[in-house]
Amino acid sequence: MSVDRTRLPRGSRLLLAALTVAVLLGSAACSASSSSDQIPIGPKPSVSVLLRVAADAGTTVQLVATGTTQAALDVAAGEVAKTAFPGVQPEPPELASPTDDGLTVATVPITLPTDAMSFSLDSTSMSSALKLVHPKAFGVWVCTDDRRSLTVASTAPGAVSSDIVSGQCQVAGSTLAHDNVTWTAKVEVGAAEPPSKLPVLIVAVMVLILIVGAVVVLRMRRTDRPDAAPPMPAEPPVH
């Protein structure tokens, strides 16, 4: 049902505007880029390799695949972790949850330094790490959270070196079986920054807007109330 704003009291209109601003601020704070680009495409088996480098806990090597088994993908995730980050011992794969879209997901936690770091990737070593899955197509992505910067310079056909970004995924390269295309990528990940105070600030602003709006509405309601009727004059005395 639509609301006729012209019929709303002024205080209510102010509160409605305040709520709109609060919703917009909250949406901006919670917005996240879509992960649809990282869904594996191509002939099955197809695999997307997601190297998620976080600021604190949560650094993982994640494989998202079609046309393979959970057991094979779990093993491959560990091999990819060892290949991408030599000397790092991956933890056991996390318990996989069923997906509604037919995808198989394997996630292996790892521990990386929070200092600035760089590492290299290439199609040949990734193909070897994924050999148990026998993928006909695979893509490799590097992802960070909003507390670490990321640059990826890739020699993959059509690849463009990324600008410095935070909290996003950048493609390192992709391979299609029998295309005879090889690629390498140089990845730079910035040091972990302190947690952002922006979410707390946005919540505080939203609360303040709501309080001010409520006060304005209450004052407007008091102002809009009709004045009390004047007292009736006293009846004249009866003689």
Protein backbone atom coordinates (compact mmCIF):
# COMPACT_ATOMS: atom_id res chain seq x y z
CA MET A 1 0.00 0.00 0.00
CA SER A 2 1.47 3.35 -1.00
CA VAL A 3 1.78 6.15 1.53
CA ASP A 4 0.61 9.65 0.67
CA ARG A 5 3.42 11.71 2.14
CA THR A 6 1.44 14.94 1.74
CA ARG A 7 -1.00 13.72 4.38
CA LEU A 8 1.66 12.76 6.91
CA PRO A 9 2.42 15.14 9.78
CA ARG A 10 5.69 16.97 9.40
CA GLY A 11 7.28 15.01 12.23
CA SER A 12 6.30 11.72 10.63
CA ARG A 13 7.82 12.82 7.35
CA LEU A 14 11.05 13.67 9.14
CA LEU A 15 11.08 10.28 10.81
CA LEU A 16 10.44 8.59 7.47
CA ALA A 17 13.36 10.47 5.96
CA ALA A 18 15.56 9.52 8.90
CA LEU A 19 14.63 5.87 8.54
CA THR A 20 15.43 6.03 4.83
CA VAL A 21 18.88 7.45 5.56
CA ALA A 22 19.49 4.80 8.21
CA VAL A 23 18.55 2.01 5.81
CA LEU A 24 20.83 3.41 3.12
CA LEU A 25 23.74 3.65 5.57
CA GLY A 26 23.14 0.12 6.79
CA SER A 27 22.95 -1.19 3.23
CA ALA A 28 26.21 0.51 2.33
CA ALA A 29 27.91 -0.99 5.38
CA CYS A 30 26.66 -4.50 4.70
CA SER A 31 27.04 -4.57 0.93
CA ALA A 32 29.30 -7.23 -0.51
CA SER A 33 30.39 -8.10 -3.98
CA SER A 34 28.65 -11.01 -5.63
CA SER A 35 30.46 -14.33 -5.65
CA SER A 36 28.79 -15.48 -8.86
CA ASP A 37 31.98 -14.80 -10.83
CA GLN A 38 33.77 -17.51 -8.85
CA ILE A 39 31.27 -20.26 -9.69
CA PRO A 40 33.02 -22.89 -11.83
CA ILE A 41 32.10 -22.86 -15.51
CA GLY A 42 33.02 -25.12 -18.40
CA PRO A 43 32.84 -28.86 -19.04
CA LYS A 44 32.67 -31.11 -16.00
CA PRO A 45 34.71 -31.65 -13.93
CA SER A 46 35.20 -27.92 -13.47
CA VAL A 47 36.88 -26.33 -10.45
CA SER A 48 37.23 -22.84 -9.00
CA VAL A 49 40.20 -22.44 -6.66
CA LEU A 50 39.67 -19.67 -4.09
CA LEU A 51 42.71 -18.70 -2.04
CA ARG A 52 41.13 -16.65 0.76
CA VAL A 53 43.79 -14.65 2.64
CA ALA A 54 42.14 -13.06 5.68
CA ALA A 55 43.49 -10.62 8.26
CA ASP A 56 42.99 -12.94 11.24
CA ALA A 57 41.45 -16.38 11.43
CA GLY A 58 39.56 -17.48 8.38
CA THR A 59 42.37 -17.93 5.87
CA THR A 60 41.43 -20.92 3.75
CA VAL A 61 41.95 -22.70 0.47
CA GLN A 62 38.52 -23.43 -0.94
CA LEU A 63 37.63 -25.52 -3.97
CA VAL A 64 34.21 -25.23 -5.58
CA ALA A 65 33.58 -27.87 -8.21
CA THR A 66 31.11 -29.64 -10.45
CA GLY A 67 31.28 -33.24 -11.59
CA THR A 68 33.53 -34.66 -8.86
CA THR A 69 33.35 -36.36 -5.47
CA GLN A 70 33.74 -34.84 -2.03
CA ALA A 71 36.61 -37.18 -1.13
CA ALA A 72 38.63 -36.30 -4.22
CA LEU A 73 38.02 -32.58 -3.77
CA ASP A 74 39.06 -32.67 -0.10
CA VAL A 75 42.40 -34.22 -1.03
CA ALA A 76 42.88 -31.78 -3.90
CA ALA A 77 42.24 -28.81 -1.60
CA GLY A 78 45.10 -29.91 0.64
CA GLU A 79 47.40 -30.34 -2.36
CA VAL A 80 46.51 -26.89 -3.69
CA ALA A 81 47.27 -25.36 -0.27
CA LYS A 82 50.71 -26.96 -0.24
CA THR A 83 51.37 -25.83 -3.81
CA ALA A 84 50.23 -22.23 -3.38
CA PHE A 85 51.90 -21.78 0.02
CA PRO A 86 54.99 -24.01 0.27
CA GLY A 87 55.96 -24.85 3.84
CA VAL A 88 52.45 -24.28 5.18
CA GLN A 89 50.77 -27.31 6.69
CA PRO A 90 47.04 -27.30 5.90
CA GLU A 91 44.56 -28.40 8.53
CA PRO A 92 42.03 -31.19 7.92
CA PRO A 93 39.19 -30.23 5.57
CA GLU A 94 36.15 -28.64 7.13
CA LEU A 95 32.93 -30.61 7.23
CA ALA A 96 31.18 -29.93 3.93
CA SER A 97 27.60 -28.71 3.83
CA PRO A 98 25.25 -29.83 1.05
CA THR A 99 24.50 -27.23 -1.61
CA ASP A 100 21.27 -26.69 -3.51
CA ASP A 101 22.92 -26.04 -6.86
CA GLY A 102 24.81 -29.30 -7.24
CA LEU A 103 28.20 -27.85 -6.34
CA THR A 104 30.80 -29.70 -4.29
CA VAL A 105 32.82 -27.55 -1.89
CA ALA A 106 36.04 -28.42 -0.05
CA THR A 107 37.58 -25.98 2.44
CA VAL A 108 40.99 -26.38 4.08
CA PRO A 109 42.01 -23.87 6.80
CA ILE A 110 45.61 -22.64 6.81
CA THR A 111 47.62 -20.18 8.88
CA LEU A 112 49.50 -17.36 7.15
CA PRO A 113 51.40 -14.35 8.55
CA THR A 114 49.53 -11.08 8.96
CA ASP A 115 52.51 -9.14 7.57
CA ALA A 116 52.69 -8.14 3.92
CA MET A 117 53.44 -11.13 1.74
CA SER A 118 53.85 -12.19 -1.86
CA PHE A 119 53.57 -15.52 -3.63
CA SER A 120 53.50 -16.91 -7.15
CA LEU A 121 51.00 -19.14 -8.93
CA ASP A 122 51.13 -20.93 -12.26
CA SER A 123 48.94 -23.18 -14.36
CA THR A 124 51.34 -26.12 -14.40
CA SER A 125 51.62 -26.55 -10.62
CA MET A 126 47.89 -25.98 -10.16
CA SER A 127 47.09 -28.65 -12.74
CA SER A 128 49.34 -31.06 -10.88
CA ALA A 129 47.70 -30.28 -7.52
CA LEU A 130 44.25 -30.89 -9.03
CA LYS A 131 45.16 -34.09 -10.87
CA LEU A 132 43.01 -36.27 -8.59
CA VAL A 133 39.94 -34.37 -9.81
CA HIS A 134 40.99 -34.43 -13.49
CA PRO A 135 39.39 -31.06 -14.22
CA LYS A 136 38.56 -30.14 -17.79
CA ALA A 137 38.46 -26.50 -16.73
CA PHE A 138 39.64 -24.60 -13.68
CA GLY A 139 40.14 -21.03 -12.55
CA VAL A 140 42.25 -19.65 -9.71
CA TRP A 141 41.16 -16.66 -7.64
CA VAL A 142 42.86 -14.81 -4.77
CA CYS A 143 40.55 -13.13 -2.24
CA THR A 144 41.11 -10.83 0.74
CA ASP A 145 38.89 -9.25 3.36
CA ASP A 146 38.49 -5.51 3.84
CA ARG A 147 41.58 -5.31 6.08
CA ARG A 148 44.15 -6.44 3.50
CA SER A 149 45.02 -4.99 0.12
CA LEU A 150 45.54 -7.18 -2.92
CA THR A 151 47.27 -6.89 -6.28
CA VAL A 152 47.51 -9.62 -8.89
CA ALA A 153 49.71 -9.45 -11.99
CA SER A 154 48.91 -12.33 -14.35
CA THR A 155 50.23 -13.43 -17.73
CA ALA A 156 46.98 -15.25 -18.53
CA PRO A 157 45.51 -14.29 -21.94
CA GLY A 158 43.35 -11.21 -21.57
CA ALA A 159 44.34 -10.65 -17.95
CA VAL A 160 44.80 -7.09 -16.75
CA SER A 161 46.93 -6.37 -13.70
CA SER A 162 44.62 -5.33 -10.89
CA ASP A 163 44.66 -2.09 -9.00
CA ILE A 164 45.13 -2.19 -5.25
CA VAL A 165 41.82 -3.29 -3.78
CA SER A 166 40.57 -4.61 -0.47
CA GLY A 167 37.88 -7.10 0.35
CA GLN A 168 37.61 -8.49 -3.16
CA CYS A 169 38.62 -11.43 -5.33
CA GLN A 170 41.01 -11.12 -8.25
CA VAL A 171 41.48 -13.79 -10.90
CA ALA A 172 44.99 -15.17 -11.26
CA GLY A 173 44.37 -17.35 -14.31
CA SER A 174 42.18 -20.01 -15.86
CA THR A 175 42.87 -23.16 -17.82
CA LEU A 176 40.80 -25.19 -20.26
CA ALA A 177 41.89 -28.76 -21.02
CA HIS A 178 43.92 -29.16 -24.21
CA ASP A 179 44.06 -25.42 -24.92
CA ASN A 180 47.88 -25.48 -24.49
CA VAL A 181 47.77 -22.13 -22.70
CA THR A 182 49.99 -21.58 -19.67
CA TRP A 183 50.03 -18.68 -17.27
CA THR A 184 51.81 -17.35 -14.20
CA ALA A 185 50.68 -14.83 -11.62
CA LYS A 186 52.44 -12.70 -9.04
CA VAL A 187 50.31 -11.92 -5.99
CA GLU A 188 50.96 -9.16 -3.43
CA VAL A 189 48.91 -9.11 -0.22
CA GLY A 190 49.19 -6.15 2.14
CA ALA A 191 49.67 -6.35 5.89
CA ALA A 192 46.55 -6.74 8.01
CA GLU A 193 45.12 -3.38 9.03
CA PRO A 194 43.36 -2.73 12.37
CA PRO A 195 39.63 -3.45 12.38
CA SER A 196 37.58 -0.67 10.85
CA LYS A 197 35.50 1.50 13.19
CA LEU A 198 33.10 2.38 10.37
CA PRO A 199 30.44 -0.24 11.23
CA VAL A 200 30.29 0.97 14.84
CA LEU A 201 30.08 4.58 13.67
CA ILE A 202 27.26 3.77 11.25
CA VAL A 203 25.27 1.98 13.98
CA ALA A 204 25.74 4.96 16.30
CA VAL A 205 24.53 7.36 13.59
CA MET A 206 21.51 5.16 12.88
CA VAL A 207 20.56 5.07 16.57
CA LEU A 208 21.00 8.85 16.86
CA ILE A 209 18.82 9.43 13.79
CA LEU A 210 16.07 7.21 15.18
CA ILE A 211 16.16 8.96 18.58
CA VAL A 212 16.02 12.42 17.02
CA GLY A 213 13.20 11.34 14.73
CA ALA A 214 11.19 9.94 17.62
CA VAL A 215 11.63 13.16 19.63
CA VAL A 216 10.54 15.27 16.68
CA VAL A 217 7.42 13.14 16.14
CA LEU A 218 6.43 13.42 19.82
CA ARG A 219 6.84 17.19 19.77
CA MET A 220 4.85 17.52 16.56
CA ARG A 221 2.03 15.42 17.98
CA ARG A 222 1.85 17.67 21.04
CA THR A 223 1.80 20.75 18.82
CA ASP A 224 -0.92 19.31 16.57
CA ARG A 225 -3.27 18.59 19.46
CA PRO A 226 -6.27 21.02 19.60
CA ASP A 227 -6.21 23.46 22.47
CA ALA A 228 -8.43 22.60 25.39
CA ALA A 229 -11.86 24.25 25.26
CA PRO A 230 -12.17 27.36 27.47
CA PRO A 231 -14.10 26.86 30.72
CA MET A 232 -17.82 27.57 30.59
CA PRO A 233 -18.89 30.76 32.36
CA ALA A 234 -20.53 30.31 35.72
CA GLU A 235 -24.32 30.19 35.68
CA PRO A 236 -25.98 33.33 36.98
CA PRO A 237 -27.48 33.09 40.46
CA VAL A 238 -31.15 32.25 40.66
CA HIS A 239 -33.27 34.84 42.45
